Amino acid sequence: MFARVAQVSAAGAIALSLGLLAAPSASAAATPEKSATPVDGSASVCLNIPVPPVSVSICL
């Protein structure tokens, strides 16, 4: 049982380390080429809850 847990843990550690090495580093500095574009409108987040026979939508 211990060997199985060790194998799963080792596989997870390898996958996580490869993901961290392959991911580019993030930068919060805005460059002139990649600045934010103003848009009209708004963003909303909705949650649909299916309750037979209707579906209830909750939006923020």
PDB file of N, CA and C in Angstrom:
ATOM      1  N   MET A   1       0.824  -1.189   0.000  1.00  0.00           N
ATOM      2  CA  MET A   1       0.000   0.000   0.000  1.00  0.00           C
ATOM      3  C   MET A   1       0.872   1.259   0.000  1.00  0.00           C
ATOM      4  N   PHE A   2       1.953   1.232   0.790  1.00  0.00           N
ATOM      5  CA  PHE A   2       2.833   2.390   0.854  1.00  0.00           C
ATOM      6  C   PHE A   2       3.495   2.649  -0.489  1.00  0.00           C
ATOM      7  N   ALA A   3       3.863   1.571  -1.189  1.00  0.00           N
ATOM      8  CA  ALA A   3       4.509   1.727  -2.495  1.00  0.00           C
ATOM      9  C   ALA A   3       3.564   2.400  -3.490  1.00  0.00           C
ATOM     10  N   ARG A   4       2.292   2.057  -3.425  1.00  0.00           N
ATOM     11  CA  ARG A   4       1.310   2.661  -4.334  1.00  0.00           C
ATOM     12  C   ARG A   4       1.160   4.152  -4.050  1.00  0.00           C
ATOM     13  N   VAL A   5       1.101   4.531  -2.775  1.00  0.00           N
ATOM     14  CA  VAL A   5       0.988   5.945  -2.412  1.00  0.00           C
ATOM     15  C   VAL A   5       2.250   6.693  -2.837  1.00  0.00           C
ATOM     16  N   ALA A   6       3.400   6.073  -2.669  1.00  0.00           N
ATOM     17  CA  ALA A   6       4.649   6.713  -3.068  1.00  0.00           C
ATOM     18  C   ALA A   6       4.712   6.917  -4.574  1.00  0.00           C
ATOM     19  N   GLN A   7       4.235   5.937  -5.344  1.00  0.00           N
ATOM     20  CA  GLN A   7       4.242   6.068  -6.799  1.00  0.00           C
ATOM     21  C   GLN A   7       3.319   7.187  -7.259  1.00  0.00           C
ATOM     22  N   VAL A   8       2.130   7.262  -6.681  1.00  0.00           N
ATOM     23  CA  VAL A   8       1.182   8.308  -7.058  1.00  0.00           C
ATOM     24  C   VAL A   8       1.730   9.681  -6.676  1.00  0.00           C
ATOM     25  N   SER A   9       2.325   9.774  -5.497  1.00  0.00           N
ATOM     26  CA  SER A   9       2.902  11.050  -5.059  1.00  0.00           C
ATOM     27  C   SER A   9       4.065  11.470  -5.959  1.00  0.00           C
ATOM     28  N   ALA A  10       4.897  10.521  -6.341  1.00  0.00           N
ATOM     29  CA  ALA A  10       6.034  10.831  -7.203  1.00  0.00           C
ATOM     30  C   ALA A  10       5.546  11.281  -8.583  1.00  0.00           C
ATOM     31  N   ALA A  11       4.529  10.613  -9.116  1.00  0.00           N
ATOM     32  CA  ALA A  11       3.998  10.997 -10.424  1.00  0.00           C
ATOM     33  C   ALA A  11       3.395  12.398 -10.362  1.00  0.00           C
ATOM     34  N   GLY A  12       2.693  12.706  -9.283  1.00  0.00           N
ATOM     35  CA  GLY A  12       2.121  14.050  -9.123  1.00  0.00           C
ATOM     36  C   GLY A  12       3.197  15.112  -9.004  1.00  0.00           C
ATOM     37  N   ALA A  13       4.258  14.805  -8.274  1.00  0.00           N
ATOM     38  CA  ALA A  13       5.353  15.763  -8.108  1.00  0.00           C
ATOM     39  C   ALA A  13       6.060  16.021  -9.436  1.00  0.00           C
ATOM     40  N   ILE A  14       6.232  14.975 -10.230  1.00  0.00           N
ATOM     41  CA  ILE A  14       6.882  15.143 -11.534  1.00  0.00           C
ATOM     42  C   ILE A  14       6.012  15.991 -12.454  1.00  0.00           C
ATOM     43  N   ALA A  15       4.719  15.704 -12.474  1.00  0.00           N
ATOM     44  CA  ALA A  15       3.812  16.473 -13.337  1.00  0.00           C
ATOM     45  C   ALA A  15       3.763  17.935 -12.907  1.00  0.00           C
ATOM     46  N   LEU A  16       3.728  18.174 -11.607  1.00  0.00           N
ATOM     47  CA  LEU A  16       3.688  19.553 -11.112  1.00  0.00           C
ATOM     48  C   LEU A  16       4.977  20.295 -11.438  1.00  0.00           C
ATOM     49  N   SER A  17       6.120  19.648 -11.273  1.00  0.00           N
ATOM     50  CA  SER A  17       7.387  20.322 -11.557  1.00  0.00           C
ATOM     51  C   SER A  17       7.534  20.612 -13.045  1.00  0.00           C
ATOM     52  N   LEU A  18       7.082  19.693 -13.908  1.00  0.00           N
ATOM     53  CA  LEU A  18       7.139  19.956 -15.345  1.00  0.00           C
ATOM     54  C   LEU A  18       6.216  21.109 -15.722  1.00  0.00           C
ATOM     55  N   GLY A  19       5.058  21.178 -15.094  1.00  0.00           N
ATOM     56  CA  GLY A  19       4.136  22.280 -15.359  1.00  0.00           C
ATOM     57  C   GLY A  19       4.711  23.614 -14.930  1.00  0.00           C
ATOM     58  N   LEU A  20       5.383  23.634 -13.781  1.00  0.00           N
ATOM     59  CA  LEU A  20       5.972  24.887 -13.301  1.00  0.00           C
ATOM     60  C   LEU A  20       7.144  25.330 -14.161  1.00  0.00           C
ATOM     61  N   LEU A  21       7.905  24.376 -14.666  1.00  0.00           N
ATOM     62  CA  LEU A  21       9.041  24.734 -15.512  1.00  0.00           C
ATOM     63  C   LEU A  21       8.591  25.196 -16.894  1.00  0.00           C
ATOM     64  N   ALA A  22       7.505  24.633 -17.399  1.00  0.00           N
ATOM     65  CA  ALA A  22       7.054  24.953 -18.750  1.00  0.00           C
ATOM     66  C   ALA A  22       6.223  26.228 -18.805  1.00  0.00           C
ATOM     67  N   ALA A  23       5.619  26.630 -17.685  1.00  0.00           N
ATOM     68  CA  ALA A  23       4.740  27.801 -17.680  1.00  0.00           C
ATOM     69  C   ALA A  23       5.576  29.089 -17.732  1.00  0.00           C
ATOM     70  N   PRO A  24       5.168  30.044 -18.539  1.00  0.00           N
ATOM     71  CA  PRO A  24       5.887  31.319 -18.575  1.00  0.00           C
ATOM     72  C   PRO A  24       5.594  32.133 -17.314  1.00  0.00           C
ATOM     73  N   SER A  25       6.522  32.967 -16.935  1.00  0.00           N
ATOM     74  CA  SER A  25       6.310  33.799 -15.763  1.00  0.00           C
ATOM     75  C   SER A  25       5.353  34.935 -16.098  1.00  0.00           C
ATOM     76  N   ALA A  26       4.518  35.296 -15.148  1.00  0.00           N
ATOM     77  CA  ALA A  26       3.513  36.338 -15.360  1.00  0.00           C
ATOM     78  C   ALA A  26       4.109  37.704 -15.026  1.00  0.00           C
ATOM     79  N   SER A  27       3.661  38.711 -15.745  1.00  0.00           N
ATOM     80  CA  SER A  27       4.101  40.067 -15.496  1.00  0.00           C
ATOM     81  C   SER A  27       2.891  40.983 -15.454  1.00  0.00           C
ATOM     82  N   ALA A  28       2.809  41.823 -14.437  1.00  0.00           N
ATOM     83  CA  ALA A  28       1.672  42.723 -14.306  1.00  0.00           C
ATOM     84  C   ALA A  28       1.925  44.064 -15.005  1.00  0.00           C
ATOM     85  N   ALA A  29       3.121  44.277 -15.495  1.00  0.00           N
ATOM     86  CA  ALA A  29       3.435  45.542 -16.159  1.00  0.00           C
ATOM     87  C   ALA A  29       2.780  45.586 -17.536  1.00  0.00           C
ATOM     88  N   ALA A  30       2.070  46.670 -17.797  1.00  0.00           N
ATOM     89  CA  ALA A  30       1.401  46.830 -19.085  1.00  0.00           C
ATOM     90  C   ALA A  30       2.367  47.465 -20.080  1.00  0.00           C
ATOM     91  N   THR A  31       2.432  46.873 -21.248  1.00  0.00           N
ATOM     92  CA  THR A  31       3.258  47.436 -22.309  1.00  0.00           C
ATOM     93  C   THR A  31       2.352  48.213 -23.259  1.00  0.00           C
ATOM     94  N   PRO A  32       2.879  49.159 -23.990  1.00  0.00           N
ATOM     95  CA  PRO A  32       2.034  49.938 -24.910  1.00  0.00           C
ATOM     96  C   PRO A  32       1.333  49.069 -25.950  1.00  0.00           C
ATOM     97  N   GLU A  33       1.964  47.979 -26.390  1.00  0.00           N
ATOM     98  CA  GLU A  33       1.360  47.123 -27.400  1.00  0.00           C
ATOM     99  C   GLU A  33       0.207  46.294 -26.823  1.00  0.00           C
ATOM    100  N   LYS A  34       0.269  46.004 -25.532  1.00  0.00           N
ATOM    101  CA  LYS A  34      -0.718  45.112 -24.922  1.00  0.00           C
ATOM    102  C   LYS A  34      -1.529  45.821 -23.840  1.00  0.00           C
ATOM    103  N   SER A  35      -1.896  47.056 -24.053  1.00  0.00           N
ATOM    104  CA  SER A  35      -2.667  47.777 -23.054  1.00  0.00           C
ATOM    105  C   SER A  35      -4.135  47.375 -23.147  1.00  0.00           C
ATOM    106  N   ALA A  36      -4.888  47.662 -22.109  1.00  0.00           N
ATOM    107  CA  ALA A  36      -6.303  47.310 -22.064  1.00  0.00           C
ATOM    108  C   ALA A  36      -7.091  48.157 -23.051  1.00  0.00           C
ATOM    109  N   THR A  37      -8.068  47.528 -23.674  1.00  0.00           N
ATOM    110  CA  THR A  37      -8.923  48.216 -24.630  1.00  0.00           C
ATOM    111  C   THR A  37     -10.265  48.520 -23.976  1.00  0.00           C
ATOM    112  N   PRO A  38     -10.680  49.785 -23.924  1.00  0.00           N
ATOM    113  CA  PRO A  38     -11.967  50.096 -23.323  1.00  0.00           C
ATOM    114  C   PRO A  38     -13.108  49.565 -24.185  1.00  0.00           C
ATOM    115  N   VAL A  39     -14.132  49.037 -23.533  1.00  0.00           N
ATOM    116  CA  VAL A  39     -15.290  48.493 -24.249  1.00  0.00           C
ATOM    117  C   VAL A  39     -16.562  49.028 -23.620  1.00  0.00           C
ATOM    118  N   ASP A  40     -17.643  48.978 -24.376  1.00  0.00           N
ATOM    119  CA  ASP A  40     -18.956  49.364 -23.865  1.00  0.00           C
ATOM    120  C   ASP A  40     -19.663  48.120 -23.336  1.00  0.00           C
ATOM    121  N   GLY A  41     -20.441  48.305 -22.272  1.00  0.00           N
ATOM    122  CA  GLY A  41     -21.204  47.186 -21.737  1.00  0.00           C
ATOM    123  C   GLY A  41     -20.697  46.775 -20.367  1.00  0.00           C
ATOM    124  N   SER A  42     -21.160  45.622 -19.936  1.00  0.00           N
ATOM    125  CA  SER A  42     -20.764  45.133 -18.624  1.00  0.00           C
ATOM    126  C   SER A  42     -20.611  43.624 -18.676  1.00  0.00           C
ATOM    127  N   ALA A  43     -19.975  43.084 -17.681  1.00  0.00           N
ATOM    128  CA  ALA A  43     -19.797  41.639 -17.578  1.00  0.00           C
ATOM    129  C   ALA A  43     -20.742  41.100 -16.517  1.00  0.00           C
ATOM    130  N   SER A  44     -21.216  39.905 -16.737  1.00  0.00           N
ATOM    131  CA  SER A  44     -22.114  39.295 -15.758  1.00  0.00           C
ATOM    132  C   SER A  44     -21.746  37.837 -15.565  1.00  0.00           C
ATOM    133  N   VAL A  45     -22.064  37.348 -14.392  1.00  0.00           N
ATOM    134  CA  VAL A  45     -21.839  35.945 -14.052  1.00  0.00           C
ATOM    135  C   VAL A  45     -23.183  35.351 -13.696  1.00  0.00           C
ATOM    136  N   CYS A  46     -23.557  34.267 -14.388  1.00  0.00           N
ATOM    137  CA  CYS A  46     -24.861  33.649 -14.159  1.00  0.00           C
ATOM    138  C   CYS A  46     -24.700  32.202 -13.714  1.00  0.00           C
ATOM    139  N   LEU A  47     -25.611  31.762 -12.876  1.00  0.00           N
ATOM    140  CA  LEU A  47     -25.649  30.382 -12.398  1.00  0.00           C
ATOM    141  C   LEU A  47     -27.025  29.833 -12.714  1.00  0.00           C
ATOM    142  N   ASN A  48     -27.068  28.771 -13.512  1.00  0.00           N
ATOM    143  CA  ASN A  48     -28.325  28.129 -13.852  1.00  0.00           C
ATOM    144  C   ASN A  48     -28.539  26.929 -12.941  1.00  0.00           C
ATOM    145  N   ILE A  49     -29.678  26.897 -12.274  1.00  0.00           N
ATOM    146  CA  ILE A  49     -30.025  25.796 -11.383  1.00  0.00           C
ATOM    147  C   ILE A  49     -31.235  25.080 -11.987  1.00  0.00           C
ATOM    148  N   PRO A  50     -31.027  23.867 -12.501  1.00  0.00           N
ATOM    149  CA  PRO A  50     -32.151  23.132 -13.088  1.00  0.00           C
ATOM    150  C   PRO A  50     -33.029  22.525 -11.995  1.00  0.00           C
ATOM    151  N   VAL A  51     -34.253  23.027 -11.907  1.00  0.00           N
ATOM    152  CA  VAL A  51     -35.231  22.508 -10.963  1.00  0.00           C
ATOM    153  C   VAL A  51     -36.442  22.080 -11.794  1.00  0.00           C
ATOM    154  N   PRO A  52     -36.660  20.786 -11.908  1.00  0.00           N
ATOM    155  CA  PRO A  52     -37.790  20.349 -12.762  1.00  0.00           C
ATOM    156  C   PRO A  52     -39.085  20.980 -12.303  1.00  0.00           C
ATOM    157  N   PRO A  53     -39.867  21.497 -13.153  1.00  0.00           N
ATOM    158  CA  PRO A  53     -39.835  21.531 -14.617  1.00  0.00           C
ATOM    159  C   PRO A  53     -39.259  22.825 -15.189  1.00  0.00           C
ATOM    160  N   VAL A  54     -38.607  23.658 -14.392  1.00  0.00           N
ATOM    161  CA  VAL A  54     -38.044  24.921 -14.879  1.00  0.00           C
ATOM    162  C   VAL A  54     -36.561  24.992 -14.566  1.00  0.00           C
ATOM    163  N   SER A  55     -35.887  26.014 -15.099  1.00  0.00           N
ATOM    164  CA  SER A  55     -34.505  26.283 -14.778  1.00  0.00           C
ATOM    165  C   SER A  55     -34.409  27.679 -14.188  1.00  0.00           C
ATOM    166  N   VAL A  56     -33.832  27.786 -13.004  1.00  0.00           N
ATOM    167  CA  VAL A  56     -33.725  29.054 -12.300  1.00  0.00           C
ATOM    168  C   VAL A  56     -32.353  29.657 -12.608  1.00  0.00           C
ATOM    169  N   SER A  57     -32.323  30.906 -13.049  1.00  0.00           N
ATOM    170  CA  SER A  57     -31.063  31.591 -13.360  1.00  0.00           C
ATOM    171  C   SER A  57     -30.832  32.691 -12.336  1.00  0.00           C
ATOM    172  N   ILE A  58     -29.642  32.684 -11.759  1.00  0.00           N
ATOM    173  CA  ILE A  58     -29.228  33.726 -10.813  1.00  0.00           C
ATOM    174  C   ILE A  58     -28.024  34.430 -11.432  1.00  0.00           C
ATOM    175  N   CYS A  59     -28.175  35.729 -11.714  1.00  0.00           N
ATOM    176  CA  CYS A  59     -27.106  36.492 -12.359  1.00  0.00           C
ATOM    177  C   CYS A  59     -26.660  37.648 -11.465  1.00  0.00           C
ATOM    178  N   LEU A  60     -25.365  37.888 -11.472  1.00  0.00           N
ATOM    179  CA  LEU A  60     -24.802  39.023 -10.733  1.00  0.00           C
ATOM    180  C   LEU A  60     -24.254  40.027 -11.712  1.00  0.00           C
TER     181      LEU A  60
END
